[in-house]
Amino acid sequence: CFQFPDTFETEPLFLGPTEFIHLAEFSTLPEETGTESILG
C-alpha cells in the first residue's frame, strides 16, 4: 500500500486525453458539427 495526501505533489500518475492534445495550440478553431444524444 502507498498512502499520501492530496497536498503531496507527484508527477501525473494517470493520463487523460488532454495530456496529449492541446487545443490552445491549434491554428484553427474546432468546428461545431451538430448535436448528438449520449447517455440520454
All heavy atoms as atom14 arrays in JSON, in Angstrom:
{
  "sequence": "CFQFPDTFETEPLFLGPTEFIHLAEFSTLPEETGTESILG",
  "atom14_mask": [
    [1, 1, 1, 1, 1, 1, 0, 0, 0, 0, 0, 0, 0, 0],
    [1, 1, 1, 1, 1, 1, 1, 1, 1, 1, 1, 0, 0, 0],
    [1, 1, 1, 1, 1, 1, 1, 1, 1, 0, 0, 0, 0, 0],
    [1, 1, 1, 1, 1, 1, 1, 1, 1, 1, 1, 0, 0, 0],
    [1, 1, 1, 1, 1, 1, 1, 0, 0, 0, 0, 0, 0, 0],
    [1, 1, 1, 1, 1, 1, 1, 1, 0, 0, 0, 0, 0, 0],
    [1, 1, 1, 1, 1, 1, 1, 0, 0, 0, 0, 0, 0, 0],
    [1, 1, 1, 1, 1, 1, 1, 1, 1, 1, 1, 0, 0, 0],
    [1, 1, 1, 1, 1, 1, 1, 1, 1, 0, 0, 0, 0, 0],
    [1, 1, 1, 1, 1, 1, 1, 0, 0, 0, 0, 0, 0, 0],
    [1, 1, 1, 1, 1, 1, 1, 1, 1, 0, 0, 0, 0, 0],
    [1, 1, 1, 1, 1, 1, 1, 0, 0, 0, 0, 0, 0, 0],
    [1, 1, 1, 1, 1, 1, 1, 1, 0, 0, 0, 0, 0, 0],
    [1, 1, 1, 1, 1, 1, 1, 1, 1, 1, 1, 0, 0, 0],
    [1, 1, 1, 1, 1, 1, 1, 1, 0, 0, 0, 0, 0, 0],
    [1, 1, 1, 1, 0, 0, 0, 0, 0, 0, 0, 0, 0, 0],
    [1, 1, 1, 1, 1, 1, 1, 0, 0, 0, 0, 0, 0, 0],
    [1, 1, 1, 1, 1, 1, 1, 0, 0, 0, 0, 0, 0, 0],
    [1, 1, 1, 1, 1, 1, 1, 1, 1, 0, 0, 0, 0, 0],
    [1, 1, 1, 1, 1, 1, 1, 1, 1, 1, 1, 0, 0, 0],
    [1, 1, 1, 1, 1, 1, 1, 1, 0, 0, 0, 0, 0, 0],
    [1, 1, 1, 1, 1, 1, 1, 1, 1, 1, 0, 0, 0, 0],
    [1, 1, 1, 1, 1, 1, 1, 1, 0, 0, 0, 0, 0, 0],
    [1, 1, 1, 1, 1, 0, 0, 0, 0, 0, 0, 0, 0, 0],
    [1, 1, 1, 1, 1, 1, 1, 1, 1, 0, 0, 0, 0, 0],
    [1, 1, 1, 1, 1, 1, 1, 1, 1, 1, 1, 0, 0, 0],
    [1, 1, 1, 1, 1, 1, 0, 0, 0, 0, 0, 0, 0, 0],
    [1, 1, 1, 1, 1, 1, 1, 0, 0, 0, 0, 0, 0, 0],
    [1, 1, 1, 1, 1, 1, 1, 1, 0, 0, 0, 0, 0, 0],
    [1, 1, 1, 1, 1, 1, 1, 0, 0, 0, 0, 0, 0, 0],
    [1, 1, 1, 1, 1, 1, 1, 1, 1, 0, 0, 0, 0, 0],
    [1, 1, 1, 1, 1, 1, 1, 1, 1, 0, 0, 0, 0, 0],
    [1, 1, 1, 1, 1, 1, 1, 0, 0, 0, 0, 0, 0, 0],
    [1, 1, 1, 1, 0, 0, 0, 0, 0, 0, 0, 0, 0, 0],
    [1, 1, 1, 1, 1, 1, 1, 0, 0, 0, 0, 0, 0, 0],
    [1, 1, 1, 1, 1, 1, 1, 1, 1, 0, 0, 0, 0, 0],
    [1, 1, 1, 1, 1, 1, 0, 0, 0, 0, 0, 0, 0, 0],
    [1, 1, 1, 1, 1, 1, 1, 1, 0, 0, 0, 0, 0, 0],
    [1, 1, 1, 1, 1, 1, 1, 1, 0, 0, 0, 0, 0, 0],
    [1, 1, 1, 1, 0, 0, 0, 0, 0, 0, 0, 0, 0, 0]
  ],
  "atom14_positions": [
    [[0.81, -1.21, 0.0], [0.0, 0.0, 0.0], [0.85, 1.26, 0.0], [1.81, 1.38, 0.77], [-0.93, 0.0, 1.22], [-1.97, 1.49, 1.33], [0.0, 0.0, 0.0], [0.0, 0.0, 0.0], [0.0, 0.0, 0.0], [0.0, 0.0, 0.0], [0.0, 0.0, 0.0], [0.0, 0.0, 0.0], [0.0, 0.0, 0.0], [0.0, 0.0, 0.0]],
    [[0.5, 2.19, -0.86], [1.04, 3.55, -0.84], [-0.07, 4.46, -0.35], [-1.21, 4.36, -0.81], [1.48, 4.0, -2.24], [2.76, 3.4, -2.72], [2.88, 2.04, -2.96], [3.86, 4.2, -2.96], [4.05, 1.48, -3.42], [5.06, 3.66, -3.43], [5.14, 2.29, -3.66], [0.0, 0.0, 0.0], [0.0, 0.0, 0.0], [0.0, 0.0, 0.0]],
    [[0.25, 5.37, 0.53], [-0.73, 6.33, 1.03], [-0.1, 7.71, 1.05], [1.03, 7.89, 1.51], [-1.2, 5.95, 2.44], [-2.2, 6.93, 3.04], [-2.66, 6.51, 4.44], [-2.44, 5.38, 4.87], [-3.27, 7.43, 5.16], [0.0, 0.0, 0.0], [0.0, 0.0, 0.0], [0.0, 0.0, 0.0], [0.0, 0.0, 0.0], [0.0, 0.0, 0.0]],
    [[-0.84, 8.71, 0.55], [-0.31, 10.07, 0.55], [-1.48, 11.05, 0.44], [-2.52, 10.73, -0.14], [0.69, 10.3, -0.59], [0.22, 9.84, -1.94], [-0.37, 10.73, -2.83], [0.37, 8.52, -2.32], [-0.81, 10.3, -4.07], [-0.07, 8.08, -3.57], [-0.66, 8.97, -4.45], [0.0, 0.0, 0.0], [0.0, 0.0, 0.0], [0.0, 0.0, 0.0]],
    [[-1.35, 12.25, 1.0], [-2.44, 13.22, 0.99], [-2.52, 13.95, -0.34], [-1.59, 13.92, -1.15], [-2.06, 14.18, 2.12], [-0.57, 14.15, 2.12], [-0.19, 12.73, 1.78], [0.0, 0.0, 0.0], [0.0, 0.0, 0.0], [0.0, 0.0, 0.0], [0.0, 0.0, 0.0], [0.0, 0.0, 0.0], [0.0, 0.0, 0.0], [0.0, 0.0, 0.0]],
    [[-3.64, 14.64, -0.56], [-3.79, 15.43, -1.78], [-2.72, 16.5, -1.91], [-2.38, 16.9, -3.02], [-5.17, 16.11, -1.79], [-6.29, 15.14, -2.14], [-5.98, 14.03, -2.6], [-7.46, 15.49, -1.94], [0.0, 0.0, 0.0], [0.0, 0.0, 0.0], [0.0, 0.0, 0.0], [0.0, 0.0, 0.0], [0.0, 0.0, 0.0], [0.0, 0.0, 0.0]],
    [[-2.2, 16.98, -0.8], [-1.22, 18.06, -0.85], [0.18, 17.56, -1.2], [1.1, 18.36, -1.35], [-1.15, 18.77, 0.51], [-1.0, 17.81, 1.55], [-2.4, 19.6, 0.74], [0.0, 0.0, 0.0], [0.0, 0.0, 0.0], [0.0, 0.0, 0.0], [0.0, 0.0, 0.0], [0.0, 0.0, 0.0], [0.0, 0.0, 0.0], [0.0, 0.0, 0.0]],
    [[0.34, 16.25, -1.34], [1.65, 15.71, -1.72], [1.8, 15.77, -3.23], [1.02, 15.19, -3.98], [1.78, 14.26, -1.24], [3.12, 13.65, -1.51], [4.23, 14.04, -0.79], [3.27, 12.69, -2.49], [5.47, 13.48, -1.03], [4.51, 12.12, -2.75], [5.61, 12.52, -2.02], [0.0, 0.0, 0.0], [0.0, 0.0, 0.0], [0.0, 0.0, 0.0]],
    [[2.81, 16.49, -3.69], [3.0, 16.7, -5.12], [3.72, 15.51, -5.75], [4.73, 15.05, -5.24], [3.79, 17.98, -5.38], [3.03, 19.24, -5.0], [3.78, 20.49, -5.42], [5.02, 20.42, -5.52], [3.14, 21.51, -5.66], [0.0, 0.0, 0.0], [0.0, 0.0, 0.0], [0.0, 0.0, 0.0], [0.0, 0.0, 0.0], [0.0, 0.0, 0.0]],
    [[3.16, 15.02, -6.86], [3.78, 13.93, -7.6], [3.77, 14.26, -9.08], [3.1, 15.21, -9.52], [3.01, 12.6, -7.4], [1.78, 12.68, -8.13], [2.72, 12.34, -5.93], [0.0, 0.0, 0.0], [0.0, 0.0, 0.0], [0.0, 0.0, 0.0], [0.0, 0.0, 0.0], [0.0, 0.0, 0.0], [0.0, 0.0, 0.0], [0.0, 0.0, 0.0]],
    [[4.49, 13.49, -9.85], [4.29, 13.52, -11.28], [2.9, 12.94, -11.56], [2.36, 12.2, -10.74], [5.37, 12.67, -11.99], [6.79, 13.22, -11.83], [6.98, 14.54, -12.54], [6.3, 14.76, -13.57], [7.79, 15.34, -12.08], [0.0, 0.0, 0.0], [0.0, 0.0, 0.0], [0.0, 0.0, 0.0], [0.0, 0.0, 0.0], [0.0, 0.0, 0.0]],
    [[2.29, 13.28, -12.71], [0.97, 12.7, -13.0], [1.02, 11.18, -12.98], [1.9, 10.57, -13.58], [0.66, 13.23, -14.41], [1.47, 14.49, -14.52], [2.73, 14.24, -13.75], [0.0, 0.0, 0.0], [0.0, 0.0, 0.0], [0.0, 0.0, 0.0], [0.0, 0.0, 0.0], [0.0, 0.0, 0.0], [0.0, 0.0, 0.0], [0.0, 0.0, 0.0]],
    [[0.09, 10.57, -12.27], [0.05, 9.11, -12.17], [-0.85, 8.48, -13.22], [-0.66, 7.33, -13.58], [-0.43, 8.7, -10.78], [0.47, 9.12, -9.61], [-0.12, 8.66, -8.29], [1.87, 8.54, -9.79], [0.0, 0.0, 0.0], [0.0, 0.0, 0.0], [0.0, 0.0, 0.0], [0.0, 0.0, 0.0], [0.0, 0.0, 0.0], [0.0, 0.0, 0.0]],
    [[-1.85, 9.24, -13.7], [-2.79, 8.7, -14.67], [-2.96, 9.7, -15.8], [-3.06, 10.9, -15.57], [-4.14, 8.4, -14.02], [-4.03, 7.5, -12.82], [-4.16, 8.01, -11.54], [-3.77, 6.16, -12.97], [-4.03, 7.19, -10.44], [-3.64, 5.32, -11.88], [-3.77, 5.84, -10.6], [0.0, 0.0, 0.0], [0.0, 0.0, 0.0], [0.0, 0.0, 0.0]],
    [[-2.98, 9.2, -17.01], [-3.07, 10.05, -18.18], [-4.52, 10.2, -18.64], [-5.35, 9.32, -18.42], [-2.24, 9.46, -19.32], [-0.74, 9.28, -19.03], [-0.06, 8.58, -20.19], [-0.08, 10.62, -18.75], [0.0, 0.0, 0.0], [0.0, 0.0, 0.0], [0.0, 0.0, 0.0], [0.0, 0.0, 0.0], [0.0, 0.0, 0.0], [0.0, 0.0, 0.0]],
    [[-4.79, 11.33, -19.28], [-6.09, 11.59, -19.87], [-5.91, 12.19, -21.25], [-4.78, 12.51, -21.65], [0.0, 0.0, 0.0], [0.0, 0.0, 0.0], [0.0, 0.0, 0.0], [0.0, 0.0, 0.0], [0.0, 0.0, 0.0], [0.0, 0.0, 0.0], [0.0, 0.0, 0.0], [0.0, 0.0, 0.0], [0.0, 0.0, 0.0], [0.0, 0.0, 0.0]],
    [[-6.98, 12.36, -22.0], [-6.84, 12.83, -23.39], [-6.23, 14.21, -23.5], [-5.52, 14.51, -24.47], [-8.28, 12.81, -23.92], [-9.14, 12.81, -22.7], [-8.38, 12.08, -21.65], [0.0, 0.0, 0.0], [0.0, 0.0, 0.0], [0.0, 0.0, 0.0], [0.0, 0.0, 0.0], [0.0, 0.0, 0.0], [0.0, 0.0, 0.0], [0.0, 0.0, 0.0]],
    [[-6.47, 15.08, -22.52], [-5.94, 16.44, -22.62], [-4.44, 16.49, -22.35], [-3.82, 17.55, -22.51], [-6.66, 17.38, -21.65], [-6.56, 16.86, -20.32], [-8.12, 17.51, -22.02], [0.0, 0.0, 0.0], [0.0, 0.0, 0.0], [0.0, 0.0, 0.0], [0.0, 0.0, 0.0], [0.0, 0.0, 0.0], [0.0, 0.0, 0.0], [0.0, 0.0, 0.0]],
    [[-3.84, 15.37, -21.92], [-2.38, 15.32, -21.75], [-1.69, 15.33, -23.12], [-0.52, 15.69, -23.23], [-1.97, 14.06, -20.99], [-2.56, 13.92, -19.61], [-1.89, 14.81, -18.59], [-0.8, 15.33, -18.88], [-2.46, 14.98, -17.5], [0.0, 0.0, 0.0], [0.0, 0.0, 0.0], [0.0, 0.0, 0.0], [0.0, 0.0, 0.0], [0.0, 0.0, 0.0]],
    [[-2.41, 14.93, -24.16], [-1.78, 14.73, -25.47], [-2.19, 15.78, -26.49], [-1.43, 16.08, -27.4], [-2.17, 13.34, -26.0], [-1.69, 12.22, -25.13], [-2.5, 11.72, -24.11], [-0.44, 11.67, -25.32], [-2.05, 10.69, -23.3], [0.01, 10.65, -24.5], [-0.8, 10.14, -23.48], [0.0, 0.0, 0.0], [0.0, 0.0, 0.0], [0.0, 0.0, 0.0]],
    [[-3.38, 16.31, -26.36], [-3.9, 17.27, -27.33], [-4.12, 18.6, -26.64], [-4.85, 18.68, -25.66], [-5.22, 16.78, -27.95], [-5.0, 15.43, -28.65], [-5.78, 17.81, -28.92], [-4.03, 15.48, -29.81], [0.0, 0.0, 0.0], [0.0, 0.0, 0.0], [0.0, 0.0, 0.0], [0.0, 0.0, 0.0], [0.0, 0.0, 0.0], [0.0, 0.0, 0.0]],
    [[-3.5, 19.67, -27.16], [-3.61, 21.0, -26.57], [-4.34, 21.91, -27.56], [-3.74, 22.45, -28.49], [-2.22, 21.56, -26.25], [-1.43, 20.68, -25.34], [-0.06, 20.7, -25.28], [-1.81, 19.72, -24.44], [0.37, 19.82, -24.41], [-0.67, 19.21, -23.89], [0.0, 0.0, 0.0], [0.0, 0.0, 0.0], [0.0, 0.0, 0.0], [0.0, 0.0, 0.0]],
    [[-5.62, 22.07, -27.35], [-6.43, 22.84, -28.3], [-5.95, 24.28, -28.44], [-6.1, 24.89, -29.5], [-7.9, 22.83, -27.87], [-8.6, 21.46, -27.88], [-10.01, 21.61, -27.35], [-8.61, 20.86, -29.27], [0.0, 0.0, 0.0], [0.0, 0.0, 0.0], [0.0, 0.0, 0.0], [0.0, 0.0, 0.0], [0.0, 0.0, 0.0], [0.0, 0.0, 0.0]],
    [[-5.37, 24.81, -27.37], [-4.93, 26.21, -27.42], [-3.82, 26.43, -28.43], [-3.57, 27.56, -28.86], [-4.46, 26.65, -26.03], [0.0, 0.0, 0.0], [0.0, 0.0, 0.0], [0.0, 0.0, 0.0], [0.0, 0.0, 0.0], [0.0, 0.0, 0.0], [0.0, 0.0, 0.0], [0.0, 0.0, 0.0], [0.0, 0.0, 0.0], [0.0, 0.0, 0.0]],
    [[-3.16, 25.35, -28.84], [-2.04, 25.48, -29.77], [-2.46, 25.23, -31.22], [-1.63, 25.29, -32.13], [-0.93, 24.51, -29.36], [-0.37, 24.8, -27.97], [0.66, 23.79, -27.54], [1.07, 22.97, -28.39], [1.07, 23.81, -26.37], [0.0, 0.0, 0.0], [0.0, 0.0, 0.0], [0.0, 0.0, 0.0], [0.0, 0.0, 0.0], [0.0, 0.0, 0.0]],
    [[-3.74, 24.93, -31.44], [-4.2, 24.73, -32.81], [-4.24, 26.06, -33.55], [-4.52, 27.11, -32.97], [-5.61, 24.13, -32.81], [-5.66, 22.67, -32.45], [-4.55, 22.01, -31.95], [-6.83, 21.94, -32.61], [-4.6, 20.68, -31.61], [-6.89, 20.6, -32.27], [-5.77, 19.96, -31.77], [0.0, 0.0, 0.0], [0.0, 0.0, 0.0], [0.0, 0.0, 0.0]],
    [[-3.98, 26.03, -34.85], [-4.01, 27.25, -35.66], [-5.43, 27.6, -36.12], [-5.7, 28.72, -36.54], [-3.11, 27.09, -36.89], [-3.53, 25.98, -37.66], [0.0, 0.0, 0.0], [0.0, 0.0, 0.0], [0.0, 0.0, 0.0], [0.0, 0.0, 0.0], [0.0, 0.0, 0.0], [0.0, 0.0, 0.0], [0.0, 0.0, 0.0], [0.0, 0.0, 0.0]],
    [[-6.35, 26.62, -36.03], [-7.75, 26.86, -36.39], [-8.64, 26.37, -35.26], [-8.27, 25.48, -34.49], [-8.13, 26.12, -37.68], [-7.89, 24.72, -37.51], [-7.32, 26.63, -38.86], [0.0, 0.0, 0.0], [0.0, 0.0, 0.0], [0.0, 0.0, 0.0], [0.0, 0.0, 0.0], [0.0, 0.0, 0.0], [0.0, 0.0, 0.0], [0.0, 0.0, 0.0]],
    [[-9.82, 26.96, -35.14], [-10.74, 26.6, -34.08], [-11.49, 25.31, -34.41], [-11.77, 25.03, -35.57], [-11.76, 27.71, -33.86], [-11.22, 29.02, -33.3], [-12.31, 30.08, -33.34], [-10.74, 28.83, -31.88], [0.0, 0.0, 0.0], [0.0, 0.0, 0.0], [0.0, 0.0, 0.0], [0.0, 0.0, 0.0], [0.0, 0.0, 0.0], [0.0, 0.0, 0.0]],
    [[-11.83, 24.5, -33.4], [-12.69, 23.35, -33.64], [-14.04, 23.82, -34.21], [-14.52, 24.9, -33.9], [-12.86, 22.74, -32.24], [-11.68, 23.22, -31.46], [-11.39, 24.6, -31.99], [0.0, 0.0, 0.0], [0.0, 0.0, 0.0], [0.0, 0.0, 0.0], [0.0, 0.0, 0.0], [0.0, 0.0, 0.0], [0.0, 0.0, 0.0], [0.0, 0.0, 0.0]],
    [[-14.63, 22.98, -35.04], [-15.89, 23.31, -35.67], [-17.04, 22.53, -35.03], [-16.9, 21.35, -34.72], [-15.84, 22.99, -37.17], [-14.81, 23.82, -37.93], [-14.8, 23.49, -39.42], [-15.57, 22.57, -39.81], [-14.06, 24.13, -40.17], [0.0, 0.0, 0.0], [0.0, 0.0, 0.0], [0.0, 0.0, 0.0], [0.0, 0.0, 0.0], [0.0, 0.0, 0.0]],
    [[-18.16, 23.2, -34.85], [-19.35, 22.54, -34.34], [-20.04, 21.83, -35.49], [-20.32, 22.43, -36.53], [-20.28, 23.58, -33.7], [-21.54, 22.98, -33.12], [-22.43, 24.03, -32.47], [-21.88, 25.08, -32.06], [-23.64, 23.79, -32.37], [0.0, 0.0, 0.0], [0.0, 0.0, 0.0], [0.0, 0.0, 0.0], [0.0, 0.0, 0.0], [0.0, 0.0, 0.0]],
    [[-20.32, 20.54, -35.3], [-20.88, 19.74, -36.39], [-22.3, 19.28, -36.11], [-22.89, 18.58, -36.95], [-20.01, 18.51, -36.68], [-19.99, 17.67, -35.52], [-18.59, 18.92, -37.02], [0.0, 0.0, 0.0], [0.0, 0.0, 0.0], [0.0, 0.0, 0.0], [0.0, 0.0, 0.0], [0.0, 0.0, 0.0], [0.0, 0.0, 0.0], [0.0, 0.0, 0.0]],
    [[-22.85, 19.6, -34.95], [-24.21, 19.19, -34.66], [-24.36, 18.71, -33.23], [-23.41, 18.73, -32.44], [0.0, 0.0, 0.0], [0.0, 0.0, 0.0], [0.0, 0.0, 0.0], [0.0, 0.0, 0.0], [0.0, 0.0, 0.0], [0.0, 0.0, 0.0], [0.0, 0.0, 0.0], [0.0, 0.0, 0.0], [0.0, 0.0, 0.0], [0.0, 0.0, 0.0]],
    [[-25.56, 18.26, -32.89], [-25.87, 17.77, -31.55], [-26.26, 16.3, -31.62], [-27.03, 15.9, -32.49], [-27.01, 18.59, -30.92], [-26.62, 19.97, -30.85], [-27.32, 18.1, -29.51], [0.0, 0.0, 0.0], [0.0, 0.0, 0.0], [0.0, 0.0, 0.0], [0.0, 0.0, 0.0], [0.0, 0.0, 0.0], [0.0, 0.0, 0.0], [0.0, 0.0, 0.0]],
    [[-25.72, 15.5, -30.71], [-26.0, 14.07, -30.66], [-26.45, 13.7, -29.25], [-26.18, 14.44, -28.28], [-24.76, 13.26, -31.04], [-24.22, 13.58, -32.43], [-22.94, 12.83, -32.74], [-22.69, 11.79, -32.09], [-22.19, 13.29, -33.62], [0.0, 0.0, 0.0], [0.0, 0.0, 0.0], [0.0, 0.0, 0.0], [0.0, 0.0, 0.0], [0.0, 0.0, 0.0]],
    [[-27.1, 12.56, -29.11], [-27.54, 12.07, -27.81], [-26.54, 11.07, -27.26], [-26.22, 10.08, -27.92], [-28.92, 11.41, -27.93], [-29.35, 10.9, -26.67], [0.0, 0.0, 0.0], [0.0, 0.0, 0.0], [0.0, 0.0, 0.0], [0.0, 0.0, 0.0], [0.0, 0.0, 0.0], [0.0, 0.0, 0.0], [0.0, 0.0, 0.0], [0.0, 0.0, 0.0]],
    [[-26.02, 11.37, -26.07], [-25.09, 10.47, -25.38], [-25.59, 10.27, -23.97], [-25.78, 11.23, -23.21], [-23.66, 11.06, -25.35], [-23.13, 11.25, -26.77], [-22.73, 10.16, -24.56], [-21.75, 11.88, -26.84], [0.0, 0.0, 0.0], [0.0, 0.0, 0.0], [0.0, 0.0, 0.0], [0.0, 0.0, 0.0], [0.0, 0.0, 0.0], [0.0, 0.0, 0.0]],
    [[-25.87, 9.03, -23.61], [-26.4, 8.68, -22.29], [-27.67, 9.47, -21.98], [-27.9, 9.9, -20.85], [-25.35, 8.92, -21.21], [-24.07, 8.07, -21.28], [-23.08, 8.48, -20.2], [-24.41, 6.59, -21.15], [0.0, 0.0, 0.0], [0.0, 0.0, 0.0], [0.0, 0.0, 0.0], [0.0, 0.0, 0.0], [0.0, 0.0, 0.0], [0.0, 0.0, 0.0]],
    [[-28.46, 9.7, -23.01], [-29.71, 10.42, -22.84], [-29.57, 11.92, -22.71], [-30.54, 12.62, -22.42], [0.0, 0.0, 0.0], [0.0, 0.0, 0.0], [0.0, 0.0, 0.0], [0.0, 0.0, 0.0], [0.0, 0.0, 0.0], [0.0, 0.0, 0.0], [0.0, 0.0, 0.0], [0.0, 0.0, 0.0], [0.0, 0.0, 0.0], [0.0, 0.0, 0.0]]
  ]
}
